[in-house]
């Protein structure tokens, strides 16, 4: 049976962020994930995880000024030092919170850099981050994002992500495979999961269209959950969707589609 982690950036948003840990636990989740922990002391988040007996399975490296529309800085040639400082900060948080995987959002391609310069920057940054994370027993993930939701995003396909992993040349770099994003960009979800399972470190979900909970769109999640079990995926599945109404009211899909 699949293991689901509640994405606290997207779920239980009726509550302030620090109250979402309790809500996730009360809803039956054993694990959580979210975009960024950096607005709070790691000790405060750790206390909530311990209190509610939750495992934190994932968060992201710092990704620039999120509120201003930035979605990562790993592709920005002029911000490599900032990126490296962010790697150190992420490792500090992950080490305190027991996180074994960190995701790097590559970012939107800067207009003032050449494609070659951008490519070289991404490779150097990922090589650095994968090396540093490995020292602490943490895996680095990269996530392809659909360009309908985030126009100009550097990494937007599975084949591109796999080619990038080859160029980086690290055994500590994997794909964060978001079913929603890849359904929008390329389809072939089940076949890709089967073929590339060894390179997939984490899976996330949402239905399409709308990015709402499973069962609200075109994806056959009952089939996909059985498929993930059949091919031997044993990691967490992050529930990174926008609830169509109140989060708790839409959680019935877990029983109807995943059992």
Protein backbone atom coordinates (compact mmCIF):
# COMPACT_ATOMS: atom_id res chain seq x y z
CA UNK A 1 0.00 0.00 0.00
CA UNK A 2 1.37 3.47 -0.84
CA UNK A 3 2.73 5.71 1.90
CA UNK A 4 1.45 9.28 1.69
CA UNK A 5 3.11 12.41 3.04
CA UNK A 6 1.00 15.52 3.49
CA UNK A 7 2.47 18.54 1.77
CA UNK A 8 1.92 21.26 4.36
CA UNK A 9 2.50 24.05 1.87
CA UNK A 10 -0.59 22.93 -0.05
CA UNK A 11 -2.76 21.08 2.48
CA UNK A 12 -4.48 22.30 5.65
CA UNK A 13 -4.00 25.89 4.51
CA UNK A 14 -7.09 26.88 6.51
CA UNK A 15 -4.67 26.92 9.47
CA UNK A 16 -1.43 28.81 10.15
CA UNK A 17 1.57 26.80 9.00
CA UNK A 18 2.74 25.62 12.42
CA UNK A 19 -0.74 24.29 13.21
CA UNK A 20 -0.78 22.10 10.10
CA UNK A 21 1.43 19.44 11.70
CA UNK A 22 -1.27 18.61 14.22
CA UNK A 23 -3.93 18.65 11.49
CA UNK A 24 -1.91 16.22 9.36
CA UNK A 25 -1.46 13.85 12.28
CA UNK A 26 -5.16 13.99 13.17
CA UNK A 27 -6.00 13.19 9.55
CA UNK A 28 -3.92 10.01 9.75
CA UNK A 29 -0.70 11.05 8.02
CA UNK A 30 2.56 9.64 9.36
CA UNK A 31 4.80 11.92 7.31
CA UNK A 32 4.86 15.45 5.95
CA UNK A 33 6.79 17.55 3.45
CA UNK A 34 6.77 21.23 2.55
CA UNK A 35 8.60 23.76 0.44
CA UNK A 36 10.77 25.60 2.95
CA UNK A 37 11.46 25.51 6.71
CA UNK A 38 13.66 28.59 6.85
CA UNK A 39 11.16 31.06 8.30
CA UNK A 40 11.17 29.15 11.59
CA UNK A 41 13.91 27.82 13.88
CA UNK A 42 14.66 24.17 13.16
CA UNK A 43 14.11 23.43 16.84
CA UNK A 44 10.52 24.66 16.64
CA UNK A 45 9.72 22.45 13.66
CA UNK A 46 11.51 19.50 15.28
CA UNK A 47 9.38 19.88 18.40
CA UNK A 48 6.20 19.74 16.33
CA UNK A 49 7.38 16.68 14.40
CA UNK A 50 8.18 14.90 17.65
CA UNK A 51 4.97 15.97 19.38
CA UNK A 52 2.79 14.68 16.57
CA UNK A 53 4.98 11.66 15.71
CA UNK A 54 5.57 12.77 12.14
CA UNK A 55 8.48 12.15 9.81
CA UNK A 56 9.65 15.00 7.60
CA UNK A 57 10.53 13.37 4.30
CA UNK A 58 11.42 16.36 2.14
CA UNK A 59 11.98 20.07 1.87
CA UNK A 60 13.68 22.28 -0.72
CA UNK A 61 16.95 24.13 -0.90
CA UNK A 62 16.51 27.91 -0.57
CA UNK A 63 15.05 29.15 -3.86
CA UNK A 64 15.55 32.90 -3.90
CA UNK A 65 12.78 35.42 -3.26
CA UNK A 66 9.70 33.22 -3.53
CA UNK A 67 7.22 36.00 -2.78
CA UNK A 68 8.70 38.03 -5.63
CA UNK A 69 8.16 35.18 -8.07
CA UNK A 70 11.55 33.49 -8.03
CA UNK A 71 11.42 29.71 -8.26
CA UNK A 72 15.04 28.73 -7.69
CA UNK A 73 18.47 30.19 -8.37
CA UNK A 74 20.53 27.16 -9.46
CA UNK A 75 20.50 28.41 -13.06
CA UNK A 76 21.62 31.96 -12.26
CA UNK A 77 25.32 32.47 -13.11
CA UNK A 78 25.59 35.61 -10.98
CA UNK A 79 24.24 33.92 -7.84
CA UNK A 80 26.44 30.88 -7.41
CA UNK A 81 27.76 32.01 -4.04
CA UNK A 82 24.21 32.57 -2.81
CA UNK A 83 23.33 29.08 -4.02
CA UNK A 84 26.24 27.54 -2.12
CA UNK A 85 25.31 29.37 1.04
CA UNK A 86 21.78 28.02 0.60
CA UNK A 87 23.10 24.48 0.34
CA UNK A 88 24.87 24.87 3.68
CA UNK A 89 21.72 26.29 5.28
CA UNK A 90 19.59 23.45 3.91
CA UNK A 91 22.01 20.83 5.22
CA UNK A 92 21.89 22.42 8.67
CA UNK A 93 18.09 22.27 8.75
CA UNK A 94 17.90 18.79 7.25
CA UNK A 95 20.42 17.44 9.75
CA UNK A 96 18.40 18.79 12.67
CA UNK A 97 15.07 17.61 11.24
CA UNK A 98 16.15 14.14 10.13
CA UNK A 99 15.51 14.81 6.45
CA UNK A 100 17.24 12.42 4.05
CA UNK A 101 16.27 14.07 0.74
CA UNK A 102 16.43 17.70 -0.37
CA UNK A 103 14.93 19.03 -3.58
CA UNK A 104 16.61 21.67 -5.73
CA UNK A 105 14.26 23.84 -7.74
CA UNK A 106 16.48 24.89 -10.64
CA UNK A 107 14.60 28.11 -11.35
CA UNK A 108 13.45 30.23 -14.26
CA UNK A 109 16.10 30.94 -16.89
CA UNK A 110 17.58 34.43 -16.43
CA UNK A 111 17.26 36.68 -19.46
CA UNK A 112 20.73 38.18 -19.13
CA UNK A 113 22.73 34.94 -19.49
CA UNK A 114 23.62 32.81 -22.50
CA UNK A 115 22.19 29.27 -22.73
CA UNK A 116 25.70 27.82 -22.46
CA UNK A 117 26.43 29.88 -19.38
CA UNK A 118 23.16 28.79 -17.79
CA UNK A 119 23.81 25.11 -18.54
CA UNK A 120 27.31 25.26 -17.08
CA UNK A 121 26.03 27.02 -13.97
CA UNK A 122 23.36 24.37 -13.37
CA UNK A 123 25.86 21.54 -13.75
CA UNK A 124 28.43 23.14 -11.43
CA UNK A 125 25.82 23.98 -8.81
CA UNK A 126 24.29 20.50 -8.81
CA UNK A 127 27.71 18.86 -8.71
CA UNK A 128 28.59 20.98 -5.67
CA UNK A 129 25.28 20.36 -3.91
CA UNK A 130 25.24 16.60 -4.54
CA UNK A 131 28.78 16.33 -3.17
CA UNK A 132 28.05 18.38 -0.05
CA UNK A 133 24.78 16.58 0.71
CA UNK A 134 26.43 13.19 0.32
CA UNK A 135 28.80 14.02 3.16
CA UNK A 136 25.75 14.15 5.43
CA UNK A 137 23.89 11.13 4.03
CA UNK A 138 21.32 13.29 2.23
CA UNK A 139 20.21 12.71 -1.36
CA UNK A 140 19.78 15.58 -3.79
CA UNK A 141 16.69 15.69 -6.01
CA UNK A 142 15.85 17.78 -9.06
CA UNK A 143 12.25 18.31 -10.14
CA UNK A 144 10.96 18.92 -13.67
CA UNK A 145 8.15 21.50 -13.56
CA UNK A 146 5.54 22.13 -16.22
CA UNK A 147 5.98 25.37 -18.14
CA UNK A 148 2.26 26.12 -18.26
CA UNK A 149 2.28 26.87 -14.52
CA UNK A 150 5.80 28.31 -14.44
CA UNK A 151 6.79 29.70 -17.87
CA UNK A 152 10.52 29.77 -18.43
CA UNK A 153 11.36 27.12 -15.86
CA UNK A 154 14.71 25.56 -16.77
CA UNK A 155 13.95 21.91 -16.04
CA UNK A 156 10.69 20.71 -17.59
CA UNK A 157 10.97 17.07 -18.68
CA UNK A 158 12.06 13.65 -17.49
CA UNK A 159 14.54 13.05 -20.32
CA UNK A 160 16.09 16.45 -19.67
CA UNK A 161 16.45 15.65 -15.96
CA UNK A 162 18.09 12.29 -16.69
CA UNK A 163 20.48 13.88 -19.18
CA UNK A 164 21.37 16.49 -16.58
CA UNK A 165 22.10 13.79 -14.01
CA UNK A 166 24.49 12.17 -16.49
CA UNK A 167 26.26 15.48 -17.09
CA UNK A 168 26.66 16.14 -13.38
CA UNK A 169 28.13 12.67 -12.93
CA UNK A 170 27.10 12.16 -9.30
CA UNK A 171 25.64 9.02 -7.77
CA UNK A 172 23.84 11.25 -5.28
CA UNK A 173 21.45 12.99 -7.70
CA UNK A 174 17.93 11.75 -8.42
CA UNK A 175 14.64 12.86 -9.94
CA UNK A 176 11.73 14.14 -7.94
CA UNK A 177 8.91 12.91 -10.15
CA UNK A 178 5.74 14.95 -9.84
CA UNK A 179 2.94 13.11 -11.62
CA UNK A 180 0.91 16.28 -12.15
CA UNK A 181 3.74 18.24 -13.75
CA UNK A 182 4.77 15.35 -16.00
CA UNK A 183 1.21 14.59 -17.03
CA UNK A 184 0.98 18.16 -18.31
CA UNK A 185 4.34 18.04 -20.10
CA UNK A 186 4.65 14.53 -21.49
CA UNK A 187 2.19 11.91 -20.22
CA UNK A 188 3.38 8.29 -20.25
CA UNK A 189 3.34 8.28 -16.46
CA UNK A 190 3.27 4.54 -15.78
CA UNK A 191 5.83 3.71 -18.45
CA UNK A 192 8.21 6.39 -17.22
CA UNK A 193 7.89 5.29 -13.60
CA UNK A 194 8.69 1.72 -14.62
CA UNK A 195 11.62 2.58 -16.86
CA UNK A 196 13.26 5.19 -14.65
CA UNK A 197 12.45 3.89 -11.16
CA UNK A 198 16.12 3.54 -10.20
CA UNK A 199 16.63 7.27 -10.82
CA UNK A 200 13.45 8.43 -9.08
CA UNK A 201 14.02 9.41 -5.47
CA UNK A 202 10.60 10.81 -4.64
CA UNK A 203 7.10 10.92 -6.16
CA UNK A 204 4.48 13.63 -5.78
CA UNK A 205 0.88 13.78 -6.94
CA UNK A 206 -2.05 15.93 -7.93
CA UNK A 207 -4.76 15.36 -10.51
CA UNK A 208 -5.11 17.21 -13.79
CA UNK A 209 -6.68 19.55 -14.78
CA UNK A 210 -6.92 21.79 -11.73
CA UNK A 211 -4.13 20.30 -9.59
CA UNK A 212 -6.73 19.08 -7.12
CA UNK A 213 -6.91 15.79 -5.19
CA UNK A 214 -6.75 12.40 -6.93
CA UNK A 215 -10.06 11.37 -8.44
CA UNK A 216 -11.03 14.85 -9.59
CA UNK A 217 -9.44 14.74 -13.05
CA UNK A 218 -8.19 12.63 -15.91
CA UNK A 219 -5.53 10.55 -14.12
CA UNK A 220 -6.34 6.97 -13.13
CA UNK A 221 -4.83 7.04 -9.67
CA UNK A 222 -6.27 3.70 -8.61
CA UNK A 223 -4.21 2.16 -11.42
CA UNK A 224 -1.13 4.29 -10.69
CA UNK A 225 -1.03 3.39 -6.99
CA UNK A 226 -1.20 -0.32 -7.83
CA UNK A 227 1.44 0.22 -10.49
CA UNK A 228 3.82 1.91 -8.04
CA UNK A 229 3.43 -1.05 -5.69
CA UNK A 230 3.93 -3.54 -8.51
CA UNK A 231 7.18 -1.98 -9.74
CA UNK A 232 8.59 -1.83 -6.22
CA UNK A 233 8.48 1.86 -5.37
CA UNK A 234 8.89 1.94 -1.60
CA UNK A 235 9.27 5.67 -0.95
CA UNK A 236 6.78 8.25 0.20
CA UNK A 237 4.28 9.89 -2.15
CA UNK A 238 3.95 13.58 -1.47
CA UNK A 239 0.41 14.93 -1.64
CA UNK A 240 1.17 18.25 -3.31
CA UNK A 241 -2.27 19.22 -4.53
CA UNK A 242 -4.70 22.08 -4.05
CA UNK A 243 -7.76 20.78 -2.16
CA UNK A 244 -10.95 21.57 -4.04
CA UNK A 245 -12.55 22.59 -0.73
CA UNK A 246 -11.48 22.08 2.89
CA UNK A 247 -8.53 19.68 3.07
CA UNK A 248 -10.17 17.20 5.45
CA UNK A 249 -13.32 17.03 3.31
CA UNK A 250 -11.32 15.82 0.31
CA UNK A 251 -9.22 13.07 1.90
CA UNK A 252 -11.65 10.28 1.03
CA UNK A 253 -9.57 9.49 -2.06
CA UNK A 254 -7.03 7.69 0.13
CA UNK A 255 -9.57 5.01 1.06
CA UNK A 256 -11.32 4.81 -2.29
CA UNK A 257 -8.28 4.85 -4.58
CA UNK A 258 -5.32 3.60 -2.56
CA UNK A 259 -6.69 0.54 -0.73
